[in-house]
Structures are given as structure tokens and as C-alpha cells.
N, C-alpha and C. Protein backbone atom coordinates (compact mmCIF):
# COMPACT_ATOMS: atom_id res chain seq x y z
N UNK A 1 -60.13 -41.17 39.27
CA UNK A 1 -59.87 -40.11 38.31
C UNK A 1 -59.35 -38.86 39.01
N UNK A 2 -59.98 -38.50 40.11
CA UNK A 2 -59.55 -37.31 40.84
C UNK A 2 -58.15 -37.53 41.40
N UNK A 3 -57.89 -38.72 41.93
CA UNK A 3 -56.56 -39.02 42.45
C UNK A 3 -55.51 -38.95 41.35
N UNK A 4 -55.84 -39.45 40.17
CA UNK A 4 -54.92 -39.39 39.04
C UNK A 4 -54.61 -37.94 38.67
N UNK A 5 -55.60 -37.08 38.71
CA UNK A 5 -55.38 -35.66 38.41
C UNK A 5 -54.46 -35.01 39.44
N UNK A 6 -54.66 -35.35 40.72
CA UNK A 6 -53.78 -34.80 41.75
C UNK A 6 -52.35 -35.29 41.58
N UNK A 7 -52.18 -36.56 41.25
CA UNK A 7 -50.83 -37.10 41.03
C UNK A 7 -50.18 -36.41 39.84
N UNK A 8 -50.92 -36.27 38.75
CA UNK A 8 -50.39 -35.60 37.56
C UNK A 8 -50.04 -34.15 37.86
N UNK A 9 -50.91 -33.45 38.57
CA UNK A 9 -50.62 -32.05 38.94
C UNK A 9 -49.38 -31.97 39.82
N UNK A 10 -49.26 -32.89 40.76
CA UNK A 10 -48.07 -32.92 41.62
C UNK A 10 -46.80 -33.14 40.83
N UNK A 11 -46.84 -34.03 39.86
CA UNK A 11 -45.66 -34.28 39.03
C UNK A 11 -45.31 -33.04 38.20
N UNK A 12 -46.33 -32.37 37.68
CA UNK A 12 -46.08 -31.17 36.89
C UNK A 12 -45.52 -30.05 37.77
N UNK A 13 -46.08 -29.88 38.97
CA UNK A 13 -45.54 -28.88 39.89
C UNK A 13 -44.08 -29.18 40.23
N UNK A 14 -43.78 -30.44 40.45
CA UNK A 14 -42.41 -30.83 40.80
C UNK A 14 -41.45 -30.52 39.66
N UNK A 15 -41.88 -30.73 38.42
CA UNK A 15 -40.98 -30.52 37.29
C UNK A 15 -40.73 -29.04 37.00
N UNK A 16 -41.63 -28.14 37.42
CA UNK A 16 -41.45 -26.71 37.15
C UNK A 16 -41.18 -25.91 38.42
N UNK A 17 -40.84 -26.58 39.50
CA UNK A 17 -40.71 -25.91 40.80
C UNK A 17 -39.65 -24.83 40.81
N UNK A 18 -38.62 -24.95 39.99
CA UNK A 18 -37.56 -23.93 39.97
C UNK A 18 -37.91 -22.76 39.04
N UNK A 19 -38.78 -22.99 38.09
CA UNK A 19 -39.12 -21.97 37.10
C UNK A 19 -40.38 -21.18 37.46
N UNK A 20 -41.18 -21.68 38.37
CA UNK A 20 -42.48 -21.09 38.66
C UNK A 20 -42.64 -20.91 40.16
N UNK A 21 -43.13 -19.74 40.56
CA UNK A 21 -43.41 -19.49 41.97
C UNK A 21 -44.74 -20.15 42.32
N UNK A 22 -44.66 -21.36 42.87
CA UNK A 22 -45.85 -22.16 43.10
C UNK A 22 -46.78 -21.55 44.14
N UNK A 23 -46.23 -20.89 45.15
CA UNK A 23 -47.07 -20.27 46.17
C UNK A 23 -47.95 -19.18 45.56
N UNK A 24 -47.35 -18.35 44.72
CA UNK A 24 -48.12 -17.28 44.08
C UNK A 24 -49.13 -17.87 43.09
N UNK A 25 -48.72 -18.91 42.39
CA UNK A 25 -49.60 -19.57 41.43
C UNK A 25 -50.83 -20.14 42.13
N UNK A 26 -50.62 -20.85 43.22
CA UNK A 26 -51.74 -21.43 43.96
C UNK A 26 -52.60 -20.36 44.62
N UNK A 27 -51.95 -19.30 45.12
CA UNK A 27 -52.70 -18.21 45.76
C UNK A 27 -53.61 -17.52 44.75
N UNK A 28 -53.10 -17.28 43.54
CA UNK A 28 -53.90 -16.63 42.50
C UNK A 28 -55.05 -17.52 42.03
N UNK A 29 -54.88 -18.83 42.11
CA UNK A 29 -55.92 -19.74 41.66
C UNK A 29 -56.95 -20.07 42.72
N UNK A 30 -56.70 -19.66 43.96
CA UNK A 30 -57.59 -20.00 45.07
C UNK A 30 -59.00 -19.46 44.86
N UNK A 31 -59.13 -18.30 44.27
CA UNK A 31 -60.45 -17.70 44.06
C UNK A 31 -61.29 -18.57 43.12
N UNK A 32 -60.64 -19.23 42.16
CA UNK A 32 -61.38 -20.08 41.22
C UNK A 32 -61.85 -21.37 41.90
N UNK A 33 -61.10 -21.85 42.89
CA UNK A 33 -61.57 -22.98 43.69
C UNK A 33 -62.81 -22.57 44.48
N UNK A 34 -62.82 -21.35 44.98
CA UNK A 34 -63.98 -20.85 45.70
C UNK A 34 -65.20 -20.78 44.77
N UNK A 35 -64.99 -20.30 43.55
CA UNK A 35 -66.08 -20.25 42.58
C UNK A 35 -66.61 -21.66 42.30
N UNK A 36 -65.71 -22.62 42.18
CA UNK A 36 -66.13 -24.00 41.96
C UNK A 36 -66.92 -24.55 43.13
N UNK A 37 -66.52 -24.20 44.34
CA UNK A 37 -67.25 -24.64 45.53
C UNK A 37 -68.65 -24.04 45.56
N UNK A 38 -68.76 -22.76 45.25
CA UNK A 38 -70.08 -22.11 45.20
C UNK A 38 -70.95 -22.77 44.14
N UNK A 39 -70.37 -23.04 42.98
CA UNK A 39 -71.12 -23.71 41.91
C UNK A 39 -71.60 -25.08 42.39
N UNK A 40 -70.73 -25.81 43.06
CA UNK A 40 -71.08 -27.14 43.57
C UNK A 40 -72.24 -27.07 44.56
N UNK A 41 -72.19 -26.12 45.47
CA UNK A 41 -73.26 -25.97 46.46
C UNK A 41 -74.59 -25.62 45.80
N UNK A 42 -74.54 -24.77 44.79
CA UNK A 42 -75.77 -24.40 44.06
C UNK A 42 -76.34 -25.62 43.35
N UNK A 43 -75.47 -26.41 42.73
CA UNK A 43 -75.92 -27.61 42.03
C UNK A 43 -76.53 -28.62 43.00
N UNK A 44 -75.91 -28.79 44.16
CA UNK A 44 -76.47 -29.71 45.16
C UNK A 44 -77.85 -29.24 45.60
N UNK A 45 -78.01 -27.94 45.81
CA UNK A 45 -79.31 -27.41 46.23
C UNK A 45 -80.36 -27.61 45.13
N UNK A 46 -79.97 -27.38 43.88
CA UNK A 46 -80.92 -27.55 42.77
C UNK A 46 -81.26 -29.02 42.55
N UNK A 47 -80.28 -29.90 42.76
CA UNK A 47 -80.48 -31.32 42.52
C UNK A 47 -81.60 -31.90 43.39
N UNK A 48 -81.74 -31.38 44.58
CA UNK A 48 -82.79 -31.89 45.47
C UNK A 48 -84.18 -31.51 45.00
N UNK A 49 -84.28 -30.48 44.16
CA UNK A 49 -85.57 -30.00 43.69
C UNK A 49 -85.99 -30.60 42.35
N UNK A 50 -85.07 -31.27 41.67
CA UNK A 50 -85.35 -31.77 40.32
C UNK A 50 -85.58 -33.28 40.34
N UNK A 51 -86.36 -33.78 39.38
CA UNK A 51 -86.54 -35.24 39.28
C UNK A 51 -85.24 -35.90 38.80
N UNK A 52 -85.15 -37.19 39.00
CA UNK A 52 -83.95 -37.95 38.66
C UNK A 52 -84.09 -38.49 37.24
N UNK A 53 -83.63 -37.69 36.25
CA UNK A 53 -83.66 -38.14 34.85
C UNK A 53 -82.55 -37.44 34.07
N UNK A 54 -82.41 -37.80 32.81
CA UNK A 54 -81.32 -37.30 31.98
C UNK A 54 -81.46 -35.80 31.70
N UNK A 55 -82.67 -35.32 31.57
CA UNK A 55 -82.86 -33.89 31.31
C UNK A 55 -82.44 -33.04 32.50
N UNK A 56 -82.70 -33.54 33.70
CA UNK A 56 -82.26 -32.83 34.90
C UNK A 56 -80.74 -32.79 34.96
N UNK A 57 -80.10 -33.89 34.59
CA UNK A 57 -78.64 -33.94 34.57
C UNK A 57 -78.07 -32.91 33.60
N UNK A 58 -78.64 -32.86 32.41
CA UNK A 58 -78.18 -31.89 31.41
C UNK A 58 -78.40 -30.47 31.92
N UNK A 59 -79.55 -30.22 32.52
CA UNK A 59 -79.84 -28.90 33.07
C UNK A 59 -78.84 -28.51 34.15
N UNK A 60 -78.51 -29.45 35.03
CA UNK A 60 -77.55 -29.17 36.11
C UNK A 60 -76.16 -28.87 35.55
N UNK A 61 -75.76 -29.61 34.52
CA UNK A 61 -74.45 -29.37 33.90
C UNK A 61 -74.40 -27.97 33.29
N UNK A 62 -75.44 -27.62 32.54
CA UNK A 62 -75.48 -26.30 31.90
C UNK A 62 -75.53 -25.18 32.94
N UNK A 63 -76.37 -25.33 33.94
CA UNK A 63 -76.47 -24.30 34.98
C UNK A 63 -75.16 -24.17 35.77
N UNK A 64 -74.52 -25.29 36.05
CA UNK A 64 -73.23 -25.24 36.73
C UNK A 64 -72.20 -24.48 35.93
N UNK A 65 -72.16 -24.74 34.63
CA UNK A 65 -71.23 -24.01 33.76
C UNK A 65 -71.54 -22.53 33.71
N UNK A 66 -72.82 -22.20 33.63
CA UNK A 66 -73.22 -20.79 33.60
C UNK A 66 -72.83 -20.08 34.89
N UNK A 67 -73.10 -20.71 36.03
CA UNK A 67 -72.74 -20.10 37.32
C UNK A 67 -71.24 -19.86 37.41
N UNK A 68 -70.45 -20.86 37.03
CA UNK A 68 -68.99 -20.73 37.11
C UNK A 68 -68.48 -19.63 36.18
N UNK A 69 -68.99 -19.60 34.96
CA UNK A 69 -68.55 -18.58 33.99
C UNK A 69 -68.94 -17.19 34.46
N UNK A 70 -70.12 -17.03 35.03
CA UNK A 70 -70.55 -15.72 35.52
C UNK A 70 -69.61 -15.24 36.63
N UNK A 71 -69.32 -16.12 37.59
CA UNK A 71 -68.40 -15.74 38.66
C UNK A 71 -67.02 -15.37 38.11
N UNK A 72 -66.51 -16.18 37.18
CA UNK A 72 -65.19 -15.90 36.61
C UNK A 72 -65.18 -14.59 35.83
N UNK A 73 -66.21 -14.35 35.03
CA UNK A 73 -66.27 -13.10 34.26
C UNK A 73 -66.36 -11.89 35.17
N UNK A 74 -67.17 -11.98 36.21
CA UNK A 74 -67.26 -10.86 37.16
C UNK A 74 -65.91 -10.60 37.82
N UNK A 75 -65.23 -11.66 38.20
CA UNK A 75 -63.91 -11.50 38.82
C UNK A 75 -62.92 -10.87 37.85
N UNK A 76 -62.93 -11.35 36.63
CA UNK A 76 -61.99 -10.82 35.63
C UNK A 76 -62.28 -9.35 35.36
N UNK A 77 -63.55 -8.98 35.25
CA UNK A 77 -63.90 -7.59 34.98
C UNK A 77 -63.56 -6.68 36.16
N UNK A 78 -63.68 -7.18 37.38
CA UNK A 78 -63.41 -6.37 38.56
C UNK A 78 -61.94 -6.41 38.98
N UNK A 79 -61.21 -7.37 38.47
CA UNK A 79 -59.82 -7.57 38.90
C UNK A 79 -58.91 -6.52 38.27
N UNK A 80 -57.89 -6.20 38.99
CA UNK A 80 -56.87 -5.28 38.48
C UNK A 80 -55.64 -6.05 38.01
N UNK A 81 -55.80 -7.34 37.77
CA UNK A 81 -54.70 -8.21 37.39
C UNK A 81 -54.20 -7.86 35.99
N UNK A 82 -52.90 -7.74 35.83
CA UNK A 82 -52.29 -7.37 34.56
C UNK A 82 -52.58 -8.40 33.48
N UNK A 83 -52.55 -9.69 33.83
CA UNK A 83 -52.78 -10.73 32.84
C UNK A 83 -54.19 -10.64 32.27
N UNK A 84 -55.17 -10.33 33.11
CA UNK A 84 -56.54 -10.20 32.62
C UNK A 84 -56.67 -8.97 31.74
N UNK A 85 -55.97 -7.89 32.07
CA UNK A 85 -56.02 -6.69 31.24
C UNK A 85 -55.45 -6.98 29.86
N UNK A 86 -54.32 -7.70 29.82
CA UNK A 86 -53.72 -8.04 28.53
C UNK A 86 -54.63 -8.94 27.72
N UNK A 87 -55.27 -9.91 28.37
CA UNK A 87 -56.20 -10.79 27.68
C UNK A 87 -57.39 -10.01 27.13
N UNK A 88 -57.92 -9.09 27.92
CA UNK A 88 -59.05 -8.27 27.50
C UNK A 88 -58.68 -7.42 26.29
N UNK A 89 -57.50 -6.81 26.31
CA UNK A 89 -57.05 -5.99 25.18
C UNK A 89 -56.88 -6.84 23.93
N UNK A 90 -56.36 -8.04 24.08
CA UNK A 90 -56.17 -8.93 22.94
C UNK A 90 -57.52 -9.33 22.33
N UNK A 91 -58.50 -9.63 23.18
CA UNK A 91 -59.83 -10.00 22.69
C UNK A 91 -60.47 -8.81 21.97
N UNK A 92 -60.35 -7.62 22.55
CA UNK A 92 -60.93 -6.43 21.92
C UNK A 92 -60.28 -6.17 20.57
N UNK A 93 -58.95 -6.32 20.48
CA UNK A 93 -58.26 -6.12 19.20
C UNK A 93 -58.77 -7.11 18.15
N UNK A 94 -58.97 -8.37 18.55
CA UNK A 94 -59.47 -9.37 17.59
C UNK A 94 -60.88 -9.03 17.13
N UNK A 95 -61.73 -8.61 18.06
CA UNK A 95 -63.11 -8.27 17.70
C UNK A 95 -63.13 -7.07 16.78
N UNK A 96 -62.35 -6.04 17.09
CA UNK A 96 -62.30 -4.84 16.25
C UNK A 96 -61.73 -5.19 14.89
N UNK A 97 -60.70 -6.05 14.85
CA UNK A 97 -60.09 -6.44 13.58
C UNK A 97 -61.09 -7.20 12.71
N UNK A 98 -61.88 -8.10 13.30
CA UNK A 98 -62.88 -8.84 12.53
C UNK A 98 -63.97 -7.92 12.02
N UNK A 99 -64.34 -6.92 12.80
CA UNK A 99 -65.40 -6.00 12.39
C UNK A 99 -64.96 -5.06 11.28
N UNK A 100 -63.66 -4.82 11.14
CA UNK A 100 -63.17 -3.92 10.10
C UNK A 100 -62.98 -4.63 8.77
N UNK A 101 -63.02 -5.98 8.77
CA UNK A 101 -62.83 -6.72 7.51
C UNK A 101 -64.06 -6.76 6.68
């Protein structure tokens, strides 16, 4: 499955190579790979402390998601990236619009 994802990503990169600056794209995404690695290490550490059952698996999945989302949200809030600012403004406009209805 992982190999299939890499092949598919490679094919997609190849098809958009002239339209997209792949180096910048990969560089901007590198921080999210780091967040995933940190999440993975935390899950491995927690897994050794939990019993081997379905509830532990569900707990690890939920905790992994929470850890990743927290890291991403902190990065987005601290980042000066224009795309994140535009996304934040769009979300705020939607929330304000819903509250005025």
C-alpha cells in the first residue's frame, strides 16, 4: 500500500512538473513529515505501556490524530504563511456569517 502511494505520488508529480515548483512544494511540506514522525514516536512509546486489545488500538489512533492536529494547528497559528492567513480569514468569515443568521 505504501509503495502504491509512492508510485501514484510520483506519477502525479511527473504530470504537473512544469506547472508546479516541486522543490518548494516538498520543502513546505517537510514540516508536516516531521510532525508525523513525532506522532509516530509518541505512539510507539505509548504502545509499549498499553495492553494488546482493540480498545488500546482505538486509543492510539485517537491520540495519534490529536497529537498531529495539535502540532499542525500550532504551526499554522505561528506561521506567517500567506496561504494559512487566507484560510484563517475564510474560516472566520464563515463562522461570523453563520453567527449572524
